[in-house]
C-alpha atoms as a PDB file:
ATOM      1  CA  MET A   1      -3.713  20.700 -29.368  1.00  0.00           C
ATOM      2  CA  ASP A   2      -7.526  20.953 -28.515  1.00  0.00           C
ATOM      3  CA  ASN A   3      -7.845  24.007 -26.212  1.00  0.00           C
ATOM      4  CA  LYS A   4     -11.196  22.724 -25.097  1.00  0.00           C
ATOM      5  CA  PHE A   5      -9.612  19.400 -23.705  1.00  0.00           C
ATOM      6  CA  LYS A   6      -8.441  19.481 -20.226  1.00  0.00           C
ATOM      7  CA  SER A   7      -5.771  16.865 -18.742  1.00  0.00           C
ATOM      8  CA  GLY A   8      -4.002  16.918 -15.371  1.00  0.00           C
ATOM      9  CA  PHE A   9      -2.480  14.789 -12.780  1.00  0.00           C
ATOM     10  CA  VAL A  10      -4.028  14.335  -9.346  1.00  0.00           C
ATOM     11  CA  ALA A  11      -2.211  12.919  -6.264  1.00  0.00           C
ATOM     12  CA  VAL A  12      -4.249  11.256  -3.420  1.00  0.00           C
ATOM     13  CA  ILE A  13      -2.309  11.484  -0.264  1.00  0.00           C
ATOM     14  CA  GLY A  14      -3.101  10.415   3.226  1.00  0.00           C
ATOM     15  CA  ARG A  15      -2.156   7.982   6.286  1.00  0.00           C
ATOM     16  CA  PRO A  16      -2.715   4.520   5.747  1.00  0.00           C
ATOM     17  CA  ASN A  17      -6.092   3.035   5.421  1.00  0.00           C
ATOM     18  CA  VAL A  18      -8.161   6.191   4.963  1.00  0.00           C
ATOM     19  CA  GLY A  19      -9.532   4.797   1.601  1.00  0.00           C
ATOM     20  CA  LYS A  20      -7.258   6.342  -1.127  1.00  0.00           C
ATOM     21  CA  SER A  21      -7.296   2.929  -3.211  1.00  0.00           C
ATOM     22  CA  THR A  22     -10.901   2.587  -2.833  1.00  0.00           C
ATOM     23  CA  LEU A  23     -11.217   6.159  -4.105  1.00  0.00           C
ATOM     24  CA  LEU A  24      -9.055   5.207  -7.045  1.00  0.00           C
ATOM     25  CA  ASN A  25     -11.088   2.113  -7.854  1.00  0.00           C
ATOM     26  CA  ARG A  26     -14.312   3.923  -7.589  1.00  0.00           C
ATOM     27  CA  PHE A  27     -12.988   6.623 -10.370  1.00  0.00           C
ATOM     28  CA  VAL A  28     -11.631   4.342 -12.485  1.00  0.00           C
ATOM     29  CA  GLY A  29     -14.356   1.687 -12.585  1.00  0.00           C
ATOM     30  CA  GLU A  30     -11.633  -0.957 -12.556  1.00  0.00           C
ATOM     31  CA  LYS A  31      -9.584  -2.917  -9.776  1.00  0.00           C
ATOM     32  CA  VAL A  32      -6.170  -0.991 -10.300  1.00  0.00           C
ATOM     33  CA  ALA A  33      -5.274  -0.959  -6.553  1.00  0.00           C
ATOM     34  CA  ILE A  34      -5.937  -3.731  -4.086  1.00  0.00           C
ATOM     35  CA  VAL A  35      -7.840  -3.074  -1.084  1.00  0.00           C
ATOM     36  CA  SER A  36      -7.691  -4.614   2.512  1.00  0.00           C
ATOM     37  CA  ASN A  37      -8.379  -3.555   6.061  1.00  0.00           C
ATOM     38  CA  LYS A  38      -4.710  -3.672   6.864  1.00  0.00           C
ATOM     39  CA  PRO A  39      -2.791  -0.461   6.950  1.00  0.00           C
ATOM     40  CA  GLN A  40       0.116   0.058   4.279  1.00  0.00           C
ATOM     41  CA  THR A  41      -1.349  -2.208   1.792  1.00  0.00           C
ATOM     42  CA  THR A  42      -0.314   0.033  -1.182  1.00  0.00           C
ATOM     43  CA  ARG A  43       3.311  -0.019  -1.600  1.00  0.00           C
ATOM     44  CA  ASN A  44       3.733   1.536  -5.252  1.00  0.00           C
ATOM     45  CA  LYS A  45       2.655   4.756  -6.856  1.00  0.00           C
ATOM     46  CA  ILE A  46      -0.091   3.607  -8.889  1.00  0.00           C
ATOM     47  CA  GLN A  47      -1.921   5.815 -11.690  1.00  0.00           C
ATOM     48  CA  GLY A  48      -5.563   5.510 -12.581  1.00  0.00           C
ATOM     49  CA  ILE A  49      -6.493   7.033 -15.897  1.00  0.00           C
ATOM     50  CA  ILE A  50     -10.125   8.547 -16.517  1.00  0.00           C
ATOM     51  CA  THR A  51     -10.876   9.622 -19.747  1.00  0.00           C
ATOM     52  CA  GLY A  52     -13.955  11.396 -21.231  1.00  0.00           C
ATOM     53  CA  ASP A  53     -15.021  13.246 -24.182  1.00  0.00           C
ATOM     54  CA  ASP A  54     -13.108  16.498 -23.129  1.00  0.00           C
ATOM     55  CA  TYR A  55     -10.751  15.651 -20.304  1.00  0.00           C
ATOM     56  CA  GLN A  56      -8.200  13.061 -18.979  1.00  0.00           C
ATOM     57  CA  ILE A  57      -7.441  12.668 -15.346  1.00  0.00           C
ATOM     58  CA  ILE A  58      -4.614  10.815 -14.078  1.00  0.00           C
ATOM     59  CA  PHE A  59      -5.273  10.050 -10.485  1.00  0.00           C
ATOM     60  CA  ILE A  60      -2.157   8.939  -8.440  1.00  0.00           C
ATOM     61  CA  ASP A  61      -2.641   6.727  -5.552  1.00  0.00           C
ATOM     62  CA  THR A  62      -0.036   6.575  -3.065  1.00  0.00           C
ATOM     63  CA  PRO A  63       1.167   4.533   0.098  1.00  0.00           C
ATOM     64  CA  GLY A  64       0.039   5.703   3.366  1.00  0.00           C
ATOM     65  CA  ILE A  65       2.233   8.314   5.201  1.00  0.00           C
ATOM     66  CA  HIS A  66       3.528   6.653   8.263  1.00  0.00           C
ATOM     67  CA  THR A  67       6.634   6.441  10.422  1.00  0.00           C
ATOM     68  CA  PRO A  68       8.807   3.784   8.690  1.00  0.00           C
ATOM     69  CA  LYS A  69      10.236   0.913  10.643  1.00  0.00           C
ATOM     70  CA  THR A  70      11.911  -1.042   7.485  1.00  0.00           C
ATOM     71  CA  ARG A  71      13.627  -0.228   4.445  1.00  0.00           C
ATOM     72  CA  LEU A  72      10.634  -1.047   2.408  1.00  0.00           C
ATOM     73  CA  ALA A  73       8.615   1.438   4.554  1.00  0.00           C
ATOM     74  CA  GLU A  74      11.008   4.214   3.967  1.00  0.00           C
ATOM     75  CA  ASN A  75      10.835   3.702   0.345  1.00  0.00           C
ATOM     76  CA  MET A  76       7.076   3.650   0.396  1.00  0.00           C
ATOM     77  CA  VAL A  77       6.896   6.971   2.346  1.00  0.00           C
ATOM     78  CA  LYS A  78       9.262   8.610   0.024  1.00  0.00           C
ATOM     79  CA  THR A  79       7.315   7.331  -2.867  1.00  0.00           C
ATOM     80  CA  ALA A  80       4.079   9.007  -1.444  1.00  0.00           C
ATOM     81  CA  GLU A  81       5.789  12.183  -0.863  1.00  0.00           C
ATOM     82  CA  SER A  82       7.595  12.704  -4.152  1.00  0.00           C
ATOM     83  CA  ALA A  83       3.921  12.019  -5.851  1.00  0.00           C
ATOM     84  CA  ALA A  84       2.731  15.402  -4.487  1.00  0.00           C
ATOM     85  CA  ARG A  85       5.431  17.118  -6.567  1.00  0.00           C
ATOM     86  CA  GLY A  86       4.481  18.189 -10.016  1.00  0.00           C
ATOM     87  CA  VAL A  87       0.900  17.393  -9.943  1.00  0.00           C
ATOM     88  CA  ASP A  88      -2.014  19.865 -10.724  1.00  0.00           C
ATOM     89  CA  VAL A  89      -4.121  18.990  -7.609  1.00  0.00           C
ATOM     90  CA  ILE A  90      -3.678  17.347  -4.260  1.00  0.00           C
ATOM     91  CA  LEU A  91      -6.272  15.339  -2.581  1.00  0.00           C
ATOM     92  CA  PHE A  92      -5.558  15.237   0.936  1.00  0.00           C
ATOM     93  CA  MET A  93      -7.741  12.366   2.510  1.00  0.00           C
ATOM     94  CA  ILE A  94      -8.754  12.073   6.060  1.00  0.00           C
ATOM     95  CA  GLU A  95     -11.093   9.909   8.128  1.00  0.00           C
ATOM     96  CA  PRO A  96     -14.024  12.088   9.757  1.00  0.00           C
ATOM     97  CA  LYS A  97     -12.187  12.556  13.160  1.00  0.00           C
ATOM     98  CA  VAL A  98     -11.077  15.523  14.857  1.00  0.00           C
ATOM     99  CA  GLY A  99      -7.737  16.469  16.534  1.00  0.00           C
ATOM    100  CA  VAL A 100      -5.519  13.697  14.797  1.00  0.00           C
ATOM    101  CA  LYS A 101      -2.325  15.105  15.302  1.00  0.00           C
ATOM    102  CA  ALA A 102      -0.605  12.809  12.156  1.00  0.00           C
ATOM    103  CA  ASP A 103      -3.412  14.604   9.906  1.00  0.00           C
ATOM    104  CA  ILE A 104      -2.771  18.004  11.204  1.00  0.00           C
ATOM    105  CA  GLU A 105       1.095  17.730  10.884  1.00  0.00           C
ATOM    106  CA  LEU A 106       0.678  16.422   7.227  1.00  0.00           C
ATOM    107  CA  ALA A 107      -2.262  18.985   6.336  1.00  0.00           C
ATOM    108  CA  GLU A 108       0.483  21.788   7.446  1.00  0.00           C
ATOM    109  CA  LYS A 109       2.947  20.147   5.236  1.00  0.00           C
ATOM    110  CA  LEU A 110       0.937  19.752   2.146  1.00  0.00           C
ATOM    111  CA  LEU A 111      -0.397  23.364   2.403  1.00  0.00           C
ATOM    112  CA  LYS A 112       3.078  24.808   1.890  1.00  0.00           C
ATOM    113  CA  ALA A 113       2.937  23.730  -1.710  1.00  0.00           C
ATOM    114  CA  LYS A 114       1.697  26.125  -4.532  1.00  0.00           C
ATOM    115  CA  THR A 115      -0.553  23.354  -5.789  1.00  0.00           C
ATOM    116  CA  PRO A 116      -4.200  23.584  -4.847  1.00  0.00           C
ATOM    117  CA  VAL A 117      -4.928  20.989  -1.838  1.00  0.00           C
ATOM    118  CA  PHE A 118      -8.441  19.582  -1.322  1.00  0.00           C
ATOM    119  CA  LEU A 119      -9.256  18.181   1.883  1.00  0.00           C
ATOM    120  CA  VAL A 120     -11.325  15.009   1.193  1.00  0.00           C
ATOM    121  CA  ILE A 121     -13.161  13.838   4.231  1.00  0.00           C
ATOM    122  CA  ASN A 122     -13.800  10.106   3.498  1.00  0.00           C
ATOM    123  CA  LYS A 123     -15.969   7.577   5.190  1.00  0.00           C
ATOM    124  CA  THR A 124     -18.777   9.982   5.892  1.00  0.00           C
ATOM    125  CA  ASP A 125     -21.294   6.897   5.895  1.00  0.00           C
ATOM    126  CA  THR A 126     -19.577   5.830   9.192  1.00  0.00           C
ATOM    127  CA  VAL A 127     -20.436   8.953  11.173  1.00  0.00           C
ATOM    128  CA  PRO A 128     -23.695  10.970  12.035  1.00  0.00           C
ATOM    129  CA  LYS A 129     -23.939  14.345  10.292  1.00  0.00           C
ATOM    130  CA  PRO A 130     -23.284  16.320  13.630  1.00  0.00           C
ATOM    131  CA  ASP A 131     -19.855  14.528  13.765  1.00  0.00           C
ATOM    132  CA  LEU A 132     -18.933  15.203  10.205  1.00  0.00           C
ATOM    133  CA  LEU A 133     -19.832  19.068  10.759  1.00  0.00           C
ATOM    134  CA  LYS A 134     -17.286  19.411  13.642  1.00  0.00           C
ATOM    135  CA  VAL A 135     -14.731  17.680  11.317  1.00  0.00           C
ATOM    136  CA  ILE A 136     -15.425  20.612   8.768  1.00  0.00           C
ATOM    137  CA  ALA A 137     -15.357  23.260  11.367  1.00  0.00           C
ATOM    138  CA  ALA A 138     -12.141  22.004  12.772  1.00  0.00           C
ATOM    139  CA  TYR A 139     -10.447  22.290   9.226  1.00  0.00           C
ATOM    140  CA  LYS A 140     -12.106  25.620   7.960  1.00  0.00           C
ATOM    141  CA  ASP A 141      -9.635  27.890   8.958  1.00  0.00           C
ATOM    142  CA  TYR A 142      -6.769  26.106   6.953  1.00  0.00           C
ATOM    143  CA  ASN A 143      -6.022  27.218   3.424  1.00  0.00           C
ATOM    144  CA  PHE A 144      -7.471  24.250   1.612  1.00  0.00           C
ATOM    145  CA  ALA A 145      -8.821  25.010  -1.735  1.00  0.00           C
ATOM    146  CA  GLU A 146     -11.950  22.807  -1.351  1.00  0.00           C
ATOM    147  CA  ILE A 147     -13.498  20.725   1.337  1.00  0.00           C
ATOM    148  CA  VAL A 148     -15.239  17.697   0.114  1.00  0.00           C
ATOM    149  CA  PRO A 149     -16.694  15.186   2.326  1.00  0.00           C
ATOM    150  CA  MET A 150     -17.720  11.955   0.805  1.00  0.00           C
ATOM    151  CA  SER A 151     -17.750   8.145   0.984  1.00  0.00           C
ATOM    152  CA  ALA A 152     -15.407   6.535  -1.540  1.00  0.00           C
ATOM    153  CA  LEU A 153     -16.910   2.983  -0.720  1.00  0.00           C
ATOM    154  CA  LYS A 154     -20.364   3.993  -1.407  1.00  0.00           C
ATOM    155  CA  GLY A 155     -20.004   6.458  -3.877  1.00  0.00           C
ATOM    156  CA  GLU A 156     -21.473   9.277  -2.129  1.00  0.00           C
ATOM    157  CA  ASN A 157     -20.445  12.681  -3.599  1.00  0.00           C
ATOM    158  CA  ALA A 158     -17.942  11.032  -5.821  1.00  0.00           C
ATOM    159  CA  ASP A 159     -19.096  12.943  -8.688  1.00  0.00           C
ATOM    160  CA  ASN A 160     -18.971  16.215  -6.991  1.00  0.00           C
ATOM    161  CA  LEU A 161     -15.434  15.615  -6.162  1.00  0.00           C
ATOM    162  CA  MET A 162     -14.597  14.648  -9.981  1.00  0.00           C
ATOM    163  CA  GLU A 163     -16.652  17.806 -11.367  1.00  0.00           C
ATOM    164  CA  THR A 164     -14.545  19.955  -8.477  1.00  0.00           C
ATOM    165  CA  VAL A 165     -11.078  18.553  -9.514  1.00  0.00           C
ATOM    166  CA  LEU A 166     -11.824  19.214 -13.321  1.00  0.00           C
ATOM    167  CA  LYS A 167     -12.483  23.008 -12.514  1.00  0.00           C
ATOM    168  CA  TYR A 168      -8.750  23.191 -11.437  1.00  0.00           C
ATOM    169  CA  LEU A 169      -7.440  21.631 -14.505  1.00  0.00           C
ATOM    170  CA  GLN A 170      -6.204  23.527 -17.743  1.00  0.00           C
ATOM    171  CA  SER A 171      -6.176  22.626 -21.249  1.00  0.00           C
ATOM    172  CA  GLY A 172      -3.573  19.874 -21.837  1.00  0.00           C
ATOM    173  CA  PRO A 173      -2.886  16.822 -24.142  1.00  0.00           C
ATOM    174  CA  ARG A 174      -4.065  13.148 -23.994  1.00  0.00           C
ATOM    175  CA  TYR A 175      -0.988  11.565 -21.954  1.00  0.00           C
ATOM    176  CA  PHE A 176      -2.623   8.023 -22.399  1.00  0.00           C
ATOM    177  CA  PRO A 177      -4.813   6.466 -25.015  1.00  0.00           C
ATOM    178  CA  ASP A 178      -8.534   6.679 -24.405  1.00  0.00           C
ATOM    179  CA  ASP A 179      -8.966   2.937 -23.560  1.00  0.00           C
ATOM    180  CA  SER A 180      -6.059   3.052 -20.789  1.00  0.00           C
ATOM    181  CA  TYR A 181      -7.028   2.739 -17.267  1.00  0.00           C
ATOM    182  CA  THR A 182      -3.679   2.422 -15.548  1.00  0.00           C
ATOM    183  CA  ASP A 183      -0.113   2.679 -16.045  1.00  0.00           C
ATOM    184  CA  LYS A 184       0.803  -0.590 -14.613  1.00  0.00           C
ATOM    185  CA  PRO A 185       1.210  -3.588 -16.615  1.00  0.00           C
ATOM    186  CA  GLU A 186      -0.848  -6.774 -16.205  1.00  0.00           C
ATOM    187  CA  LYS A 187       1.763  -8.846 -14.388  1.00  0.00           C
ATOM    188  CA  PHE A 188       1.985  -6.038 -11.722  1.00  0.00           C
ATOM    189  CA  ILE A 189      -1.917  -5.982 -11.194  1.00  0.00           C
ATOM    190  CA  ILE A 190      -1.886  -9.833 -11.340  1.00  0.00           C
ATOM    191  CA  ALA A 191       0.734  -9.942  -8.537  1.00  0.00           C
ATOM    192  CA  GLU A 192      -1.270  -7.518  -6.482  1.00  0.00           C
ATOM    193  CA  LEU A 193      -4.470  -9.446  -6.744  1.00  0.00           C
ATOM    194  CA  ILE A 194      -2.728 -12.612  -5.448  1.00  0.00           C
ATOM    195  CA  ARG A 195      -1.155 -10.483  -2.645  1.00  0.00           C
ATOM    196  CA  GLU A 196      -4.619  -9.085  -1.825  1.00  0.00           C
ATOM    197  CA  LYS A 197      -6.097 -12.416  -1.336  1.00  0.00           C
ATOM    198  CA  THR A 198      -3.117 -13.637   0.873  1.00  0.00           C
ATOM    199  CA  LEU A 199      -3.649 -10.623   3.208  1.00  0.00           C
ATOM    200  CA  PHE A 200      -7.503 -11.286   3.450  1.00  0.00           C
ATOM    201  CA  LEU A 201      -7.255 -14.876   3.872  1.00  0.00           C
ATOM    202  CA  LEU A 202      -4.381 -14.643   6.663  1.00  0.00           C
ATOM    203  CA  GLN A 203      -6.004 -11.826   8.529  1.00  0.00           C
ATOM    204  CA  ASP A 204      -3.612 -11.085  11.436  1.00  0.00           C
ATOM    205  CA  GLU A 205      -1.702 -14.426  11.533  1.00  0.00           C
ATOM    206  CA  ILE A 206       1.311 -12.940   9.769  1.00  0.00           C
ATOM    207  CA  PRO A 207       2.774  -9.445   9.142  1.00  0.00           C
ATOM    208  CA  HIS A 208       3.111  -7.444   6.091  1.00  0.00           C
ATOM    209  CA  GLY A 209       6.267  -9.594   4.915  1.00  0.00           C
ATOM    210  CA  ILE A 210       4.716 -10.982   2.068  1.00  0.00           C
ATOM    211  CA  ALA A 211       5.592 -10.197  -1.851  1.00  0.00           C
ATOM    212  CA  VAL A 212       4.335 -11.799  -4.923  1.00  0.00           C
ATOM    213  CA  GLU A 213       6.378 -12.277  -8.083  1.00  0.00           C
ATOM    214  CA  ILE A 214       4.979 -13.456 -11.258  1.00  0.00           C
ATOM    215  CA  MET A 215       7.380 -16.172 -12.811  1.00  0.00           C
ATOM    216  CA  SER A 216       5.681 -16.843 -16.099  1.00  0.00           C
ATOM    217  CA  MET A 217       2.411 -16.018 -18.097  1.00  0.00           C
ATOM    218  CA  LYS A 218       1.544 -18.187 -21.169  1.00  0.00           C
ATOM    219  CA  GLU A 219      -1.336 -18.334 -23.210  1.00  0.00           C
ATOM    220  CA  ARG A 220      -2.452 -21.691 -24.513  1.00  0.00           C
ATOM    221  CA  LYS A 221      -2.585 -22.153 -28.188  1.00  0.00           C
ATOM    222  CA  GLY A 222      -6.082 -22.532 -29.704  1.00  0.00           C
ATOM    223  CA  ARG A 223      -8.085 -21.714 -26.491  1.00  0.00           C
ATOM    224  CA  PRO A 224      -8.679 -18.636 -24.067  1.00  0.00           C
ATOM    225  CA  LEU A 225      -6.730 -19.978 -21.275  1.00  0.00           C
ATOM    226  CA  MET A 226      -3.583 -18.293 -19.711  1.00  0.00           C
ATOM    227  CA  ASP A 227      -1.174 -20.437 -17.635  1.00  0.00           C
ATOM    228  CA  ILE A 228       0.178 -18.159 -14.837  1.00  0.00           C
ATOM    229  CA  GLU A 229       2.882 -19.286 -12.221  1.00  0.00           C
ATOM    230  CA  ALA A 230       3.720 -16.971  -9.119  1.00  0.00           C
ATOM    231  CA  THR A 231       5.629 -17.351  -6.075  1.00  0.00           C
ATOM    232  CA  ILE A 232       4.734 -15.862  -2.556  1.00  0.00           C
ATOM    233  CA  TYR A 233       7.656 -14.967  -0.566  1.00  0.00           C
ATOM    234  CA  CYS A 234       7.514 -14.505   3.062  1.00  0.00           C
ATOM    235  CA  GLU A 235      10.095 -13.519   5.692  1.00  0.00           C
ATOM    236  CA  LYS A 236      10.090 -16.716   8.068  1.00  0.00           C
ATOM    237  CA  GLU A 237       9.664 -20.607   7.698  1.00  0.00           C
ATOM    238  CA  SER A 238       6.811 -20.328  10.153  1.00  0.00           C
ATOM    239  CA  HIS A 239       5.015 -18.007   7.907  1.00  0.00           C
ATOM    240  CA  LYS A 240       5.508 -20.380   5.151  1.00  0.00           C
ATOM    241  CA  GLY A 241       3.487 -23.178   6.881  1.00  0.00           C
ATOM    242  CA  ILE A 242       0.682 -20.692   7.732  1.00  0.00           C
ATOM    243  CA  ILE A 243       0.296 -19.429   4.027  1.00  0.00           C
ATOM    244  CA  ILE A 244       0.370 -23.128   2.850  1.00  0.00           C
ATOM    245  CA  GLY A 245      -2.259 -24.162   5.548  1.00  0.00           C
ATOM    246  CA  LYS A 246      -2.853 -27.541   6.501  1.00  0.00           C
ATOM    247  CA  ASN A 247      -3.030 -29.946   3.670  1.00  0.00           C
ATOM    248  CA  GLY A 248      -2.171 -26.958   1.623  1.00  0.00           C
ATOM    249  CA  GLY A 249      -5.813 -25.702   2.352  1.00  0.00           C
ATOM    250  CA  VAL A 250      -4.953 -21.928   2.634  1.00  0.00           C
ATOM    251  CA  LEU A 251      -2.999 -21.675  -0.535  1.00  0.00           C
ATOM    252  CA  LYS A 252      -5.612 -23.477  -2.475  1.00  0.00           C
ATOM    253  CA  GLN A 253      -7.989 -20.684  -1.217  1.00  0.00           C
ATOM    254  CA  ILE A 254      -5.652 -17.933  -2.197  1.00  0.00           C
ATOM    255  CA  GLY A 255      -5.453 -19.457  -5.543  1.00  0.00           C
ATOM    256  CA  THR A 256      -9.145 -19.812  -6.105  1.00  0.00           C
ATOM    257  CA  LYS A 257     -10.169 -16.221  -5.110  1.00  0.00           C
ATOM    258  CA  ALA A 258      -7.154 -14.850  -7.028  1.00  0.00           C
ATOM    259  CA  ARG A 259      -8.367 -16.703 -10.284  1.00  0.00           C
ATOM    260  CA  HIS A 260     -11.675 -15.186 -10.143  1.00  0.00           C
ATOM    261  CA  ASP A 261     -10.281 -11.689 -10.136  1.00  0.00           C
ATOM    262  CA  ILE A 262      -7.460 -12.489 -12.598  1.00  0.00           C
ATOM    263  CA  ALA A 263     -10.109 -14.138 -15.135  1.00  0.00           C
ATOM    264  CA  LYS A 264     -12.123 -10.759 -14.859  1.00  0.00           C
ATOM    265  CA  LEU A 265      -9.145  -8.840 -15.674  1.00  0.00           C
ATOM    266  CA  LEU A 266      -7.878 -10.898 -18.283  1.00  0.00           C
ATOM    267  CA  ASP A 267     -11.437 -11.840 -19.871  1.00  0.00           C
ATOM    268  CA  CYS A 268     -10.161 -15.547 -20.186  1.00  0.00           C
ATOM    269  CA  GLU A 269      -9.757 -18.819 -18.282  1.00  0.00           C
ATOM    270  CA  ILE A 270      -6.850 -19.062 -15.814  1.00  0.00           C
ATOM    271  CA  ASN A 271      -4.514 -21.821 -14.647  1.00  0.00           C
ATOM    272  CA  LEU A 272      -2.837 -20.455 -11.851  1.00  0.00           C
ATOM    273  CA  GLN A 273      -0.160 -22.253 -10.087  1.00  0.00           C
ATOM    274  CA  LEU A 274       1.303 -20.792  -6.572  1.00  0.00           C
ATOM    275  CA  TRP A 275       4.559 -21.652  -4.679  1.00  0.00           C
ATOM    276  CA  VAL A 276       5.637 -20.341  -1.436  1.00  0.00           C
ATOM    277  CA  LYS A 277       9.428 -19.483  -0.559  1.00  0.00           C
ATOM    278  CA  VAL A 278      10.990 -17.828   2.122  1.00  0.00           C
ATOM    279  CA  LYS A 279      13.285 -14.681   1.800  1.00  0.00           C
ATOM    280  CA  GLU A 280      14.532 -13.776   5.485  1.00  0.00           C
ATOM    281  CA  ASN A 281      14.149  -9.907   6.153  1.00  0.00           C
ATOM    282  CA  TRP A 282      13.624  -9.079   2.466  1.00  0.00           C
ATOM    283  CA  ARG A 283      12.056  -5.836   3.389  1.00  0.00           C
ATOM    284  CA  ASP A 284      15.294  -4.675   4.684  1.00  0.00           C
ATOM    285  CA  SER A 285      17.017  -5.582   1.498  1.00  0.00           C
ATOM    286  CA  ASP A 286      17.412  -3.116  -1.287  1.00  0.00           C
ATOM    287  CA  PHE A 287      18.148  -6.096  -3.549  1.00  0.00           C
ATOM    288  CA  TYR A 288      14.720  -7.737  -2.842  1.00  0.00           C
ATOM    289  CA  ILE A 289      12.866  -4.524  -2.826  1.00  0.00           C
ATOM    290  CA  ARG A 290      14.172  -3.528  -6.343  1.00  0.00           C
ATOM    291  CA  ASN A 291      13.570  -7.399  -7.436  1.00  0.00           C
ATOM    292  CA  PHE A 292      10.054  -7.376  -6.463  1.00  0.00           C
ATOM    293  CA  GLY A 293       9.454  -4.002  -8.238  1.00  0.00           C
ATOM    294  CA  LEU A 294       9.030  -1.845  -4.944  1.00  0.00           C
ATOM    295  CA  LYS A 295      11.959   0.375  -5.393  1.00  0.00           C
ATOM    296  CA  GLN A 296      10.818   3.128  -7.482  1.00  0.00           C
ATOM    297  CA  GLU A 297      12.448   6.291  -8.930  1.00  0.00           C
ATOM    298  CA  ILE A 298      11.688   9.164  -6.629  1.00  0.00           C
END
């Protein structure tokens, strides 16, 4: 093993919607985690892999820590908490706000670990500098290894965060090939891209009771074209009508937007066929949670 080569695992932990997935995508340079303005968008533990000449960092994006109300939500929280175990660095991400009880409680819990914990204050582009300084001051007496303000969306101070993480890593092996950027298979990412477009287009019309399953992927012979069939599941018959839309208009938009991102991912033309089915209360069913790939080993 090359003693000059550094590697390690870095967990990104925080409440919903603080920008964890945006940070992962920023570092990786590829869309490996979907993003929306709705909390609890990320459901799985997703690894983003960054490999340089003398290092490999595996960033672990996690579901937001929240009070669970369904079996799916319980699994999401357990997944996030388990990600903090056995890593080399924990990035605790917050928004630039003072006195958020849930942030303080989570900080105190994470700081009990022997792992170095960075406080990453995200969305610095949304507040004036005096307000940001107040947030930094509020956490100065906590035992954080580092405090790093940044904007994952704009990329401000992202390079500094990466360089600081590298200082805490030890020499280690290449865990993944140099050209890998995530541990997730293409089917998973494609299903997530479809779900992202569904969340975006439906806005607040339906809750998070949506899952996407890729039924088949077949490459056409003799041309760079992939035929993909996918099913969007929802929990109520009324939601099915909303997802399809008048004369199928909403479903067509979902397909058009998803097709663009999938084509970019696979670097070929895409023929995407979408269906919508109802699975009542699937978020409280261990069977469906596991079937949709949302039940992970803790």
